[in-house]
Protein backbone atom coordinates (compact mmCIF):
# COMPACT_ATOMS: atom_id res chain seq x y z
CA MET A 1 -32.34 13.89 -1.87
CA PHE A 2 -35.62 15.66 -1.03
CA LYS A 3 -36.78 12.68 1.04
CA SER A 4 -33.50 12.68 3.01
CA VAL A 5 -33.66 16.40 3.76
CA LEU A 6 -37.33 16.17 4.70
CA SER A 7 -36.65 13.19 6.97
CA ILE A 8 -33.80 15.01 8.77
CA LEU A 9 -35.97 18.09 9.34
CA LEU A 10 -38.93 16.06 10.57
CA VAL A 11 -36.84 13.90 12.92
CA THR A 12 -35.22 17.04 14.30
CA PHE A 13 -38.47 18.88 14.93
CA CYS A 14 -41.11 16.18 15.31
CA GLY A 15 -39.51 12.87 16.22
CA LYS A 16 -38.89 9.73 14.18
CA GLY A 17 -42.48 8.37 14.11
CA VAL A 18 -43.96 11.50 12.55
CA SER A 19 -41.29 11.68 9.85
CA LYS A 20 -41.89 8.03 8.90
CA ASP A 21 -45.64 8.61 8.69
CA LEU A 22 -45.27 11.81 6.66
CA SER A 23 -42.75 10.17 4.36
CA ASP A 24 -45.16 7.27 3.81
CA TYR A 25 -48.04 9.66 3.05
CA ILE A 26 -45.90 11.54 0.54
CA GLN A 27 -44.96 8.24 -1.10
CA TYR A 28 -48.61 7.10 -1.19
CA GLY A 29 -49.52 10.38 -2.85
CA ALA A 30 -46.69 10.05 -5.36
CA GLY A 31 -47.80 6.48 -6.07
CA TYR A 32 -51.38 7.66 -6.51
CA TYR A 33 -50.46 10.32 -9.06
CA SER A 34 -48.01 7.95 -10.76
CA SER A 35 -50.83 5.45 -11.15
CA ILE A 36 -52.98 8.12 -12.80
CA TYR A 37 -50.08 8.83 -15.18
CA ILE A 38 -49.74 5.09 -15.88
CA HIS A 39 -53.47 4.94 -16.69
CA GLU A 40 -53.19 7.92 -19.02
CA LEU A 41 -49.99 6.55 -20.59
CA GLY A 42 -52.01 3.44 -21.43
CA HIS A 43 -54.45 5.61 -23.36
CA ALA A 44 -51.61 7.58 -24.99
CA THR A 45 -49.72 4.43 -26.02
CA ALA A 46 -52.82 2.94 -27.65
CA ALA A 47 -53.55 6.24 -29.38
CA LYS A 48 -49.97 6.39 -30.70
CA TYR A 49 -50.26 2.79 -31.90
CA PHE A 50 -53.35 3.73 -33.93
CA GLY A 51 -51.58 6.75 -35.46
CA ALA A 52 -52.73 9.61 -33.25
CA THR A 53 -50.84 12.87 -33.23
CA ASN A 54 -50.74 15.79 -30.82
CA ILE A 55 -50.96 13.47 -27.82
CA ARG A 56 -51.16 15.33 -24.51
CA ILE A 57 -51.62 13.99 -20.98
CA GLU A 58 -53.12 16.20 -18.28
CA VAL A 59 -52.75 15.11 -14.63
CA PRO A 60 -54.54 16.36 -12.66
CA ARG A 61 -57.22 17.17 -15.22
CA LYS A 62 -58.27 20.80 -15.25
CA GLY A 63 -60.87 21.39 -12.56
CA THR A 64 -60.08 18.20 -10.65
CA LEU A 65 -57.61 17.08 -8.04
CA PHE A 66 -57.75 13.33 -8.57
CA GLY A 67 -58.34 12.72 -12.29
CA GLY A 68 -56.45 12.75 -15.52
CA ALA A 69 -57.14 12.95 -19.23
CA THR A 70 -55.37 12.10 -22.47
CA TYR A 71 -56.01 14.19 -25.55
CA HIS A 72 -55.08 13.24 -29.10
CA THR A 73 -56.09 13.74 -32.69
CA PHE A 74 -56.30 11.43 -35.67
CA ASP A 75 -55.39 12.93 -39.03
CA THR A 76 -57.52 10.44 -40.95
CA PRO A 77 -60.38 8.20 -39.90
CA ALA A 78 -59.15 4.65 -39.31
CA GLN A 79 -60.67 1.49 -40.65
CA GLY A 80 -62.43 -0.40 -37.87
CA SER A 81 -62.73 2.70 -35.70
CA GLN A 82 -65.09 0.89 -33.29
CA LEU A 83 -62.31 -1.53 -32.41
CA ARG A 84 -59.86 1.37 -32.14
CA GLU A 85 -62.19 3.22 -29.76
CA LYS A 86 -62.75 0.11 -27.63
CA VAL A 87 -58.99 -0.40 -27.31
CA LEU A 88 -58.43 3.29 -26.54
CA ASN A 89 -61.01 3.18 -23.74
CA LEU A 90 -59.74 -0.10 -22.27
CA SER A 91 -56.04 0.71 -22.51
CA GLY A 92 -55.90 3.01 -19.48
CA LEU A 93 -57.65 0.49 -17.25
CA LEU A 94 -55.42 -2.30 -18.53
CA ALA A 95 -52.25 -0.28 -17.92
CA GLY A 96 -53.28 0.61 -14.35
CA ASN A 97 -54.23 -2.97 -13.54
CA LEU A 98 -51.00 -4.27 -15.07
CA ALA A 99 -49.02 -1.94 -12.79
CA HIS A 100 -51.10 -3.24 -9.88
CA GLU A 101 -50.27 -6.83 -10.86
CA ILE A 102 -46.56 -6.03 -10.96
CA VAL A 103 -46.78 -4.77 -7.37
CA ILE A 104 -48.70 -7.85 -6.21
CA GLN A 105 -46.35 -10.27 -7.98
CA THR A 106 -43.11 -8.60 -6.81
CA ASN A 107 -42.50 -9.45 -3.15
CA GLY A 108 -39.94 -6.65 -2.73
CA LEU A 109 -42.62 -4.03 -3.47
CA HIS A 110 -45.17 -5.20 -0.89
CA SER A 111 -43.87 -2.95 1.89
CA ASN A 112 -43.02 0.02 -0.35
CA SER A 113 -45.45 2.91 0.22
CA PHE A 114 -44.99 4.25 -3.31
CA ALA A 115 -45.82 0.83 -4.81
CA GLN A 116 -48.78 0.44 -2.43
CA GLY A 117 -50.10 3.76 -3.71
CA ILE A 118 -49.88 2.51 -7.29
CA ALA A 119 -51.57 -0.80 -6.44
CA SER A 120 -54.30 0.83 -4.36
CA THR A 121 -55.12 3.42 -7.01
CA ALA A 122 -55.90 0.72 -9.57
CA HIS A 123 -58.75 -0.36 -7.27
CA VAL A 124 -59.96 3.19 -6.81
CA THR A 125 -59.90 3.76 -10.58
CA ASN A 126 -61.76 0.53 -11.34
CA LEU A 127 -64.49 1.20 -8.79
CA ALA A 128 -64.70 4.94 -9.55
CA ASN A 129 -65.28 4.17 -13.23
CA VAL A 130 -68.11 1.77 -12.36
CA TYR A 131 -69.61 4.16 -9.80
CA ASN A 132 -69.43 7.15 -12.13
CA TYR A 133 -70.90 5.20 -15.02
CA TYR A 134 -73.92 3.85 -13.11
CA ILE A 135 -74.52 6.45 -10.39
CA ASN A 136 -73.19 9.79 -11.62
CA ARG A 137 -73.71 9.02 -15.32
CA LYS A 138 -70.41 10.71 -16.11
CA ALA A 139 -68.44 10.17 -19.28
CA ASN A 140 -65.53 7.87 -18.54
CA ASP A 141 -63.76 4.81 -19.94
CA ILE A 142 -66.82 2.58 -19.49
CA ALA A 143 -69.12 5.07 -21.24
CA GLY A 144 -66.61 5.40 -24.09
CA TYR A 145 -66.40 1.62 -24.33
CA GLU A 146 -70.19 1.44 -24.59
CA GLN A 147 -70.28 4.18 -27.26
CA SER A 148 -67.87 2.12 -29.35
CA GLY A 149 -70.18 -0.90 -29.22
CA GLY A 150 -68.86 -2.67 -26.13
CA ASN A 151 -71.03 -4.08 -23.36
CA PRO A 152 -70.59 -1.81 -20.31
CA HIS A 153 -72.15 -4.35 -17.95
CA VAL A 154 -69.63 -7.06 -18.81
CA LEU A 155 -66.76 -4.57 -18.45
CA SER A 156 -68.11 -3.25 -15.14
CA THR A 157 -68.56 -6.79 -13.80
CA ALA A 158 -65.00 -7.66 -14.83
CA LEU A 159 -63.60 -4.55 -13.13
CA VAL A 160 -65.49 -5.16 -9.86
CA GLY A 161 -64.65 -8.88 -9.90
CA TYR A 162 -60.97 -8.24 -10.58
CA THR A 163 -60.87 -5.60 -7.86
CA LEU A 164 -62.40 -7.93 -5.25
CA TRP A 165 -60.08 -10.77 -6.26
CA SER A 166 -57.07 -8.42 -6.08
CA LEU A 167 -58.10 -7.04 -2.69
CA LYS A 168 -58.22 -10.61 -1.41
CA ARG A 169 -54.74 -11.32 -2.80
CA MET A 170 -53.41 -8.09 -1.30
CA SER A 171 -54.89 -9.09 2.05
CA ASP A 172 -53.36 -12.57 1.85
CA LYS A 173 -49.93 -11.07 1.08
CA ASN A 174 -50.28 -8.38 3.80
CA ILE A 175 -50.07 -5.52 1.31
CA PRO A 176 -51.77 -2.50 2.89
CA LEU A 177 -54.35 -0.52 0.97
CA PHE A 178 -53.03 3.08 1.11
CA GLY A 179 -51.27 2.13 4.34
CA ILE A 180 -54.31 0.54 5.95
CA GLU A 181 -53.84 -3.11 6.82
CA TYR A 182 -57.00 -5.13 6.41
CA LYS A 183 -58.13 -8.73 6.28
CA PHE A 184 -60.44 -9.65 3.47
């Protein structure tokens, strides 16, 4: 409904091309934030699986425009908490990349701006995690994975490798990256 009303107003006042572009940008933005929610839902689902309570997702995270966070508590310490922590840290990345894979594997989604926003954000999240871990030294999923005994270099290599491979597949299938068509 909102999209229809917005499109009518934009066509009336700005012409058809502008309304299409603005509608696409709104859909990319909605896809972007949906992808952040998907990432955080991955963390929340894993936390729930391990018995967490008081699970809360915050998107955007306080003080940021582009991030999210999942908060939870465990009533009792779990056996094998290192494994639990590894899974909790990986689950957001896995959820975001699974959503990306669904977009790549579903031909009907390739030209959908909302779906492109979801697919593109998985790449941004993967690379931002690696960048923030190595350059900014910020706490993120890779740092948490390392703290739980995982090898951050193997995880970072996997994220960068998967991202490059996925960008190539997106290019081959003519799926734009946030609306930008590219050849890889």
